[in-house]
């Protein structure tokens, strides 16, 4: 169902991909520098190798705890996803990598994602639920023939705020789902009016994309 593991080479890719990246009001480079002020493009290989060696015990403990995180949310999350999208996503294969960087990227093609190792227990539960919901959302949209574009990405982030705050999921995670990208705030308010009509998944997505693409 899900593999939860470590991969320092993936963290090296994450550093290179996110150290200068800014998206919709989020400065990923700053998030990296806040926790790792000494890492640079000149020393990142050695820095990451040394960090993994120095913090190996902590990383292994958090790895075990993250497996518990998934166990605590899986039943409720997959049930709600099945109710909304009419598909059992619990049988899919996912990979969750703990990361030393607070970027939490996802990779749709491989159904894999990273979770910042130093987040609290509940907030690691939130990231896992957030990313698994993204995979289900994109799977459903692609089967509708909707192709990846910026509007679909915007809707995926907005949808998660509504879906993950459904009472059964929010209570299981133990934390409120907040909008991660502040520049999408006004669009979220508008799409909420569509969500509040309690449409089916198909109609909600089509109407919301029409608004976002206007």
Protein backbone atom coordinates (compact mmCIF):
# COMPACT_ATOMS: atom_id res chain seq x y z
CA UNK A 1 0.00 0.00 0.00
CA UNK A 2 2.60 2.54 1.08
CA UNK A 3 6.37 2.38 1.56
CA UNK A 4 7.82 4.92 3.98
CA UNK A 5 11.57 5.30 3.66
CA UNK A 6 14.63 7.56 3.48
CA UNK A 7 16.51 8.60 0.35
CA UNK A 8 19.30 11.15 0.74
CA UNK A 9 19.92 11.24 -3.02
CA UNK A 10 16.34 12.40 -3.53
CA UNK A 11 17.01 15.11 -0.95
CA UNK A 12 19.96 16.24 -3.05
CA UNK A 13 17.59 16.61 -6.01
CA UNK A 14 15.10 18.44 -3.81
CA UNK A 15 17.74 20.93 -2.77
CA UNK A 16 18.73 21.63 -6.37
CA UNK A 17 15.10 21.95 -7.51
CA UNK A 18 13.80 24.08 -4.64
CA UNK A 19 16.71 26.20 -3.37
CA UNK A 20 15.73 29.11 -5.64
CA UNK A 21 12.04 28.34 -6.16
CA UNK A 22 9.19 30.73 -5.33
CA UNK A 23 5.57 29.78 -6.11
CA UNK A 24 2.32 31.67 -5.39
CA UNK A 25 3.67 33.44 -2.31
CA UNK A 26 5.80 30.55 -0.99
CA UNK A 27 9.58 30.93 -0.94
CA UNK A 28 10.91 27.38 -0.82
CA UNK A 29 14.52 28.54 -0.81
CA UNK A 30 13.89 30.48 2.39
CA UNK A 31 12.25 27.43 3.97
CA UNK A 32 15.43 25.47 3.22
CA UNK A 33 17.73 28.22 4.52
CA UNK A 34 15.69 28.63 7.71
CA UNK A 35 16.65 25.11 8.78
CA UNK A 36 19.96 24.70 6.94
CA UNK A 37 21.68 28.06 6.82
CA UNK A 38 25.04 26.56 5.85
CA UNK A 39 23.99 24.52 2.81
CA UNK A 40 24.95 25.89 -0.62
CA UNK A 41 25.08 24.66 -4.20
CA UNK A 42 28.82 24.23 -3.71
CA UNK A 43 28.63 22.03 -0.61
CA UNK A 44 25.16 20.40 -0.72
CA UNK A 45 26.45 16.89 -1.49
CA UNK A 46 28.76 16.77 1.50
CA UNK A 47 26.32 18.72 3.70
CA UNK A 48 23.44 16.27 3.10
CA UNK A 49 25.69 13.21 3.54
CA UNK A 50 26.94 14.59 6.84
CA UNK A 51 23.46 15.56 8.04
CA UNK A 52 22.12 12.06 7.39
CA UNK A 53 25.07 10.51 9.23
CA UNK A 54 24.87 12.88 12.20
CA UNK A 55 21.08 12.62 12.58
CA UNK A 56 20.65 8.96 11.66
CA UNK A 57 19.07 7.98 14.98
CA UNK A 58 16.57 10.84 14.87
CA UNK A 59 15.68 10.10 11.25
CA UNK A 60 15.12 6.42 11.98
CA UNK A 61 12.89 7.24 14.97
CA UNK A 62 10.85 9.67 12.90
CA UNK A 63 10.61 7.08 10.14
CA UNK A 64 9.00 4.61 12.56
CA UNK A 65 6.67 7.30 13.86
CA UNK A 66 5.66 8.31 10.34
CA UNK A 67 4.54 4.75 9.69
CA UNK A 68 2.25 5.18 12.69
CA UNK A 69 0.99 8.44 11.15
CA UNK A 70 -0.18 6.61 8.06
CA UNK A 71 -1.77 3.86 10.12
CA UNK A 72 -3.82 6.42 12.02
CA UNK A 73 -5.32 8.10 8.94
CA UNK A 74 -5.52 5.46 6.23
CA UNK A 75 -8.92 3.93 6.95
CA UNK A 76 -10.83 7.20 7.25
CA UNK A 77 -8.99 8.93 4.41
CA UNK A 78 -9.43 6.13 1.88
CA UNK A 79 -13.08 5.70 2.87
CA UNK A 80 -13.80 9.39 2.25
CA UNK A 81 -11.85 9.34 -1.03
CA UNK A 82 -13.86 6.34 -2.18
CA UNK A 83 -17.14 8.03 -1.24
CA UNK A 84 -16.21 11.19 -3.17
CA UNK A 85 -14.42 9.79 -6.23
CA UNK A 86 -16.16 6.39 -6.34
CA UNK A 87 -12.87 4.48 -6.40
CA UNK A 88 -10.88 2.53 -3.82
CA UNK A 89 -7.46 4.18 -3.74
CA UNK A 90 -6.19 2.07 -0.86
CA UNK A 91 -4.93 -0.59 -3.28
CA UNK A 92 -2.57 1.78 -5.09
CA UNK A 93 1.16 1.72 -4.39
CA UNK A 94 2.60 4.89 -2.85
CA UNK A 95 6.05 5.88 -1.62
CA UNK A 96 6.61 8.41 1.17
CA UNK A 97 10.15 9.71 1.67
CA UNK A 98 11.15 11.53 4.83
CA UNK A 99 13.09 14.66 3.89
CA UNK A 100 15.44 16.97 5.77
CA UNK A 101 14.02 19.89 3.77
CA UNK A 102 10.64 21.49 4.42
CA UNK A 103 9.47 21.46 0.78
CA UNK A 104 7.21 18.37 0.66
CA UNK A 105 7.11 17.87 -3.13
CA UNK A 106 5.03 15.19 -4.84
CA UNK A 107 5.69 13.21 -8.00
CA UNK A 108 2.47 12.22 -9.75
CA UNK A 109 4.05 9.74 -12.15
CA UNK A 110 5.44 7.53 -9.38
CA UNK A 111 2.80 8.33 -6.73
CA UNK A 112 5.63 9.35 -4.41
CA UNK A 113 6.17 12.37 -2.18
CA UNK A 114 8.35 13.77 0.57
CA UNK A 115 7.44 14.71 4.13
CA UNK A 116 9.61 17.03 6.21
CA UNK A 117 11.00 14.82 8.98
CA UNK A 118 10.88 17.50 11.70
CA UNK A 119 7.14 18.21 11.45
CA UNK A 120 5.02 17.24 14.43
CA UNK A 121 3.23 13.88 14.40
CA UNK A 122 -0.11 15.40 13.40
CA UNK A 123 1.42 17.63 10.75
CA UNK A 124 3.13 14.64 9.16
CA UNK A 125 -0.31 13.04 9.11
CA UNK A 126 -1.55 16.18 7.36
CA UNK A 127 1.12 16.03 4.65
CA UNK A 128 0.48 12.34 3.99
CA UNK A 129 -3.27 12.95 3.70
CA UNK A 130 -2.64 16.04 1.55
CA UNK A 131 -0.49 14.20 -0.96
CA UNK A 132 -2.61 11.03 -1.14
CA UNK A 133 -5.63 13.26 -1.83
CA UNK A 134 -3.71 14.93 -4.65
CA UNK A 135 -3.03 11.55 -6.27
CA UNK A 136 -6.72 10.63 -6.13
CA UNK A 137 -7.78 14.05 -7.42
CA UNK A 138 -5.43 13.95 -10.41
CA UNK A 139 -6.35 10.35 -11.19
CA UNK A 140 -10.03 11.30 -11.31
CA UNK A 141 -9.38 14.41 -13.43
CA UNK A 142 -7.16 12.58 -15.90
CA UNK A 143 -9.86 9.95 -16.38
CA UNK A 144 -12.22 12.81 -17.25
CA UNK A 145 -9.77 13.79 -19.98
CA UNK A 146 -8.56 16.90 -18.15
CA UNK A 147 -4.92 17.64 -18.84
CA UNK A 148 -2.41 19.13 -16.44
CA UNK A 149 -2.26 22.92 -16.49
CA UNK A 150 -1.99 25.74 -13.98
CA UNK A 151 -5.74 25.92 -13.33
CA UNK A 152 -5.85 22.22 -12.47
CA UNK A 153 -2.91 22.65 -10.10
CA UNK A 154 -4.65 25.62 -8.44
CA UNK A 155 -7.84 23.62 -8.05
CA UNK A 156 -5.95 20.66 -6.59
CA UNK A 157 -4.61 22.88 -3.80
CA UNK A 158 -7.97 24.55 -3.20
CA UNK A 159 -9.86 21.24 -3.23
CA UNK A 160 -7.63 19.87 -0.49
CA UNK A 161 -8.68 22.66 1.86
CA UNK A 162 -12.33 21.68 1.47
CA UNK A 163 -11.88 17.92 1.40
CA UNK A 164 -9.38 17.50 4.23
CA UNK A 165 -11.50 19.69 6.50
CA UNK A 166 -14.44 17.29 6.21
CA UNK A 167 -15.09 16.42 9.87
CA UNK A 168 -14.13 12.71 9.73
CA UNK A 169 -10.77 13.51 8.08
CA UNK A 170 -9.97 16.63 10.09
CA UNK A 171 -10.71 14.83 13.36
CA UNK A 172 -8.49 11.91 12.33
CA UNK A 173 -5.59 14.15 11.35
CA UNK A 174 -5.97 16.34 14.42
CA UNK A 175 -5.20 19.53 12.52
CA UNK A 176 -6.98 21.99 10.27
CA UNK A 177 -6.06 21.94 6.60
CA UNK A 178 -4.93 25.44 5.62
CA UNK A 179 -4.24 26.89 2.18
CA UNK A 180 -0.51 26.45 1.59
CA UNK A 181 -0.19 29.08 -1.16
CA UNK A 182 -1.33 32.51 0.10
CA UNK A 183 -1.66 33.97 -3.39
CA UNK A 184 -4.57 31.56 -4.07
CA UNK A 185 -6.64 32.97 -1.20
CA UNK A 186 -9.10 34.96 -3.35
CA UNK A 187 -9.59 32.07 -5.75
CA UNK A 188 -10.31 29.76 -2.84
CA UNK A 189 -13.08 32.08 -1.65
CA UNK A 190 -14.71 32.02 -5.08
CA UNK A 191 -14.42 28.25 -5.53
CA UNK A 192 -15.88 27.73 -2.05
CA UNK A 193 -19.18 29.07 -3.40
CA UNK A 194 -19.17 26.20 -5.90
CA UNK A 195 -18.15 23.65 -3.26
CA UNK A 196 -20.97 24.78 -0.97
CA UNK A 197 -23.51 23.72 -3.61
CA UNK A 198 -22.57 20.11 -2.71
CA UNK A 199 -22.16 19.02 -6.31
CA UNK A 200 -20.76 15.66 -7.35
CA UNK A 201 -17.04 15.43 -8.03
CA UNK A 202 -17.42 15.65 -11.80
CA UNK A 203 -19.61 18.76 -11.78
CA UNK A 204 -17.63 20.48 -9.04
CA UNK A 205 -14.35 20.04 -10.91
CA UNK A 206 -15.74 21.16 -14.29
CA UNK A 207 -17.44 24.26 -12.88
CA UNK A 208 -14.43 25.19 -10.75
CA UNK A 209 -12.02 24.85 -13.68
CA UNK A 210 -14.31 27.00 -15.82
CA UNK A 211 -14.08 29.74 -13.19
CA UNK A 212 -10.30 29.43 -12.76
CA UNK A 213 -9.72 29.54 -16.52
CA UNK A 214 -11.87 32.63 -17.14
